[in-house]
Amino acid sequence: MNKIIYHKFNVFSHFVVGGVFFIPPIILLLLAASKQPILIMFSLILLILNGYFYFRICKAFIHILIGKPMIEFTNEKYIDNLNGFCIYWTDINRISLHNGKAPFVVFDLKDNERFYSDINLFKKLFYKFERNDMNSIQTNILYAHGRNANIFTEIQNNFKKNQK
């Protein structure tokens, strides 16, 4: 089994910066709970916007502590431990790399309904926001250790080798 580990410095720096933007809204919410309705709404908006981001950073940080890789490859499937999903190689049409605000590996799926039926409602919501079209899923490789092109090449080589 091949694997791609986390970039420790990248995860740690995002963990610290994310904490700066995630913890103060919680404190504001607790302090203003009874007096300032506008402050409560502002805090809730910040919590919603930063909560999912910070949850993923905390998950990556814990994976580093316990030695779990970010991405794993088997002969049957691609396993994304950060996002908590796997895709069978046989369910993928093609793979591409998109560099925007963050680097994403995009998997064009043969049947996206099979993928979405295996994940919970909360993840479905966020994957629908991150999709670039109706038949693909993308995974962020910002926290992976290595150059984006090399990571993509490794994923693509495993795809080609295990495609049946």
Protein backbone atom coordinates (compact mmCIF):
# COMPACT_ATOMS: atom_id res chain seq x y z
CA MET A 1 0.00 0.00 0.00
CA ASN A 2 1.31 3.44 -0.96
CA LYS A 3 0.64 6.52 1.12
CA ILE A 4 1.11 10.29 1.17
CA ILE A 5 1.80 11.87 4.54
CA TYR A 6 0.85 15.29 5.86
CA HIS A 7 3.12 18.34 5.54
CA LYS A 8 3.63 18.91 9.28
CA PHE A 9 4.61 22.58 9.14
CA ASN A 10 1.72 23.43 6.83
CA VAL A 11 -0.83 21.71 9.09
CA PHE A 12 0.64 23.21 12.28
CA SER A 13 0.69 26.77 10.87
CA HIS A 14 -2.93 26.45 9.69
CA PHE A 15 -3.87 24.97 13.08
CA VAL A 16 -2.44 28.01 14.91
CA VAL A 17 -3.85 30.61 12.51
CA GLY A 18 -7.21 28.84 12.42
CA GLY A 19 -7.33 28.87 16.22
CA VAL A 20 -6.89 32.63 16.21
CA PHE A 21 -9.98 33.01 14.00
CA PHE A 22 -12.04 30.20 15.55
CA ILE A 23 -11.64 30.61 19.31
CA PRO A 24 -12.42 34.38 19.63
CA PRO A 25 -15.93 34.00 18.12
CA ILE A 26 -16.68 31.32 20.70
CA ILE A 27 -15.54 33.64 23.49
CA LEU A 28 -17.57 36.54 22.04
CA LEU A 29 -20.60 34.30 21.81
CA LEU A 30 -20.31 33.27 25.45
CA LEU A 31 -19.71 36.82 26.71
CA ALA A 32 -22.49 38.43 24.71
CA ALA A 33 -25.09 35.68 24.97
CA SER A 34 -27.61 37.72 26.94
CA LYS A 35 -26.85 41.36 26.02
CA GLN A 36 -25.97 41.90 22.38
CA PRO A 37 -28.07 40.09 19.75
CA ILE A 38 -26.01 41.56 16.92
CA LEU A 39 -22.79 40.26 18.46
CA ILE A 40 -24.35 36.83 18.81
CA MET A 41 -25.25 36.82 15.12
CA PHE A 42 -21.77 37.98 14.14
CA SER A 43 -20.21 35.24 16.29
CA LEU A 44 -22.47 32.57 14.83
CA ILE A 45 -21.58 33.61 11.28
CA LEU A 46 -17.86 33.41 12.10
CA LEU A 47 -18.33 30.03 13.76
CA ILE A 48 -20.15 28.63 10.74
CA LEU A 49 -17.58 29.97 8.29
CA ASN A 50 -14.57 28.84 10.29
CA GLY A 51 -15.94 25.72 11.96
CA TYR A 52 -15.63 23.29 9.08
CA PHE A 53 -12.17 24.60 8.16
CA TYR A 54 -10.94 24.30 11.73
CA PHE A 55 -12.50 20.85 12.15
CA ARG A 56 -10.47 19.59 9.18
CA ILE A 57 -7.27 21.19 10.50
CA CYS A 58 -7.79 19.59 13.92
CA LYS A 59 -8.41 16.24 12.24
CA ALA A 60 -5.17 16.60 10.24
CA PHE A 61 -3.28 17.58 13.40
CA ILE A 62 -4.57 14.48 15.23
CA HIS A 63 -3.65 12.28 12.25
CA ILE A 64 -0.08 13.61 12.44
CA LEU A 65 0.06 12.81 16.16
CA ILE A 66 -1.13 9.22 15.67
CA GLY A 67 0.88 8.66 12.46
CA LYS A 68 -2.05 8.25 10.06
CA PRO A 69 -1.27 9.26 6.43
CA MET A 70 -3.36 11.81 4.56
CA ILE A 71 -3.89 9.61 1.50
CA GLU A 72 -3.54 5.86 1.05
CA PHE A 73 -3.69 3.72 -2.09
CA THR A 74 -4.60 0.07 -2.29
CA ASN A 75 -5.12 -2.09 -5.38
CA GLU A 76 -8.86 -1.48 -5.06
CA LYS A 77 -9.28 2.12 -3.93
CA TYR A 78 -8.06 5.62 -3.16
CA ILE A 79 -8.48 6.46 0.56
CA ASP A 80 -8.65 10.10 1.68
CA ASN A 81 -8.24 10.05 5.46
CA LEU A 82 -8.55 13.82 5.89
CA ASN A 83 -11.96 14.03 4.23
CA GLY A 84 -13.01 10.56 5.34
CA PHE A 85 -13.93 8.91 2.05
CA CYS A 86 -12.66 6.33 -0.38
CA ILE A 87 -13.21 5.91 -4.10
CA TYR A 88 -12.77 2.63 -5.94
CA TRP A 89 -10.41 2.95 -8.89
CA THR A 90 -13.02 1.29 -11.11
CA ASP A 91 -15.50 4.12 -10.32
CA ILE A 92 -13.21 6.81 -11.76
CA ASN A 93 -13.21 7.96 -15.41
CA ARG A 94 -10.22 10.26 -15.18
CA ILE A 95 -8.18 12.35 -12.75
CA SER A 96 -6.98 15.93 -13.14
CA LEU A 97 -5.11 18.54 -11.10
CA HIS A 98 -6.59 22.01 -10.56
CA ASN A 99 -4.52 24.77 -8.99
CA GLY A 100 -6.68 27.64 -7.78
CA LYS A 101 -6.77 29.11 -4.29
CA ALA A 102 -5.72 25.64 -3.18
CA PRO A 103 -4.54 22.60 -5.15
CA PHE A 104 -7.25 20.00 -5.81
CA VAL A 105 -7.15 16.58 -7.37
CA VAL A 106 -10.42 16.18 -9.26
CA PHE A 107 -11.89 12.71 -9.75
CA ASP A 108 -14.39 12.47 -12.62
CA LEU A 109 -16.69 9.70 -11.48
CA LYS A 110 -18.61 7.19 -13.56
CA ASP A 111 -21.51 7.21 -11.08
CA ASN A 112 -21.53 9.99 -8.50
CA GLU A 113 -24.66 8.58 -6.84
CA ARG A 114 -22.69 5.57 -5.64
CA PHE A 115 -20.13 7.87 -4.02
CA TYR A 116 -22.69 10.18 -2.39
CA SER A 117 -24.77 7.28 -1.06
CA ASP A 118 -21.76 6.18 1.05
CA ILE A 119 -21.26 9.48 2.92
CA ASN A 120 -23.27 11.23 5.62
CA LEU A 121 -25.49 14.31 5.21
CA PHE A 122 -22.96 16.79 6.68
CA LYS A 123 -20.22 15.72 4.27
CA LYS A 124 -22.67 15.74 1.35
CA LEU A 125 -23.35 19.42 1.98
CA PHE A 126 -19.67 20.41 1.92
CA TYR A 127 -18.77 18.17 -1.03
CA LYS A 128 -21.54 19.77 -3.08
CA PHE A 129 -20.01 23.19 -2.35
CA GLU A 130 -16.54 21.96 -3.38
CA ARG A 131 -17.56 20.17 -6.60
CA ASN A 132 -16.69 21.72 -9.91
CA ASP A 133 -19.38 19.80 -11.80
CA MET A 134 -22.06 17.21 -11.20
CA ASN A 135 -19.98 14.09 -11.91
CA SER A 136 -16.81 14.80 -9.99
CA ILE A 137 -15.42 15.07 -6.51
CA GLN A 138 -12.32 16.99 -5.61
CA THR A 139 -9.93 16.55 -2.75
CA ASN A 140 -7.66 19.26 -1.40
CA ILE A 141 -3.95 18.35 -1.34
CA LEU A 142 -2.81 21.56 0.34
CA TYR A 143 -1.77 19.64 3.47
CA ALA A 144 0.03 16.82 1.65
CA HIS A 145 3.81 16.59 1.93
CA GLY A 146 5.49 17.12 -1.44
CA ARG A 147 5.08 19.07 -4.63
CA ASN A 148 1.55 19.17 -6.04
CA ALA A 149 2.63 17.81 -9.43
CA ASN A 150 4.48 14.88 -7.80
CA ILE A 151 1.50 14.06 -5.57
CA PHE A 152 -0.83 14.17 -8.56
CA THR A 153 1.53 11.98 -10.60
CA GLU A 154 1.61 9.39 -7.81
CA ILE A 155 -2.20 9.35 -7.60
CA GLN A 156 -2.51 9.13 -11.39
CA ASN A 157 0.05 6.30 -11.61
CA ASN A 158 -1.87 4.30 -9.01
CA PHE A 159 -5.09 4.97 -10.92
CA LYS A 160 -3.60 3.73 -14.21
CA LYS A 161 -2.04 0.69 -12.55
CA ASN A 162 -5.23 -0.37 -10.77
CA GLN A 163 -7.86 0.63 -13.34
CA LYS A 164 -9.66 -2.48 -14.60
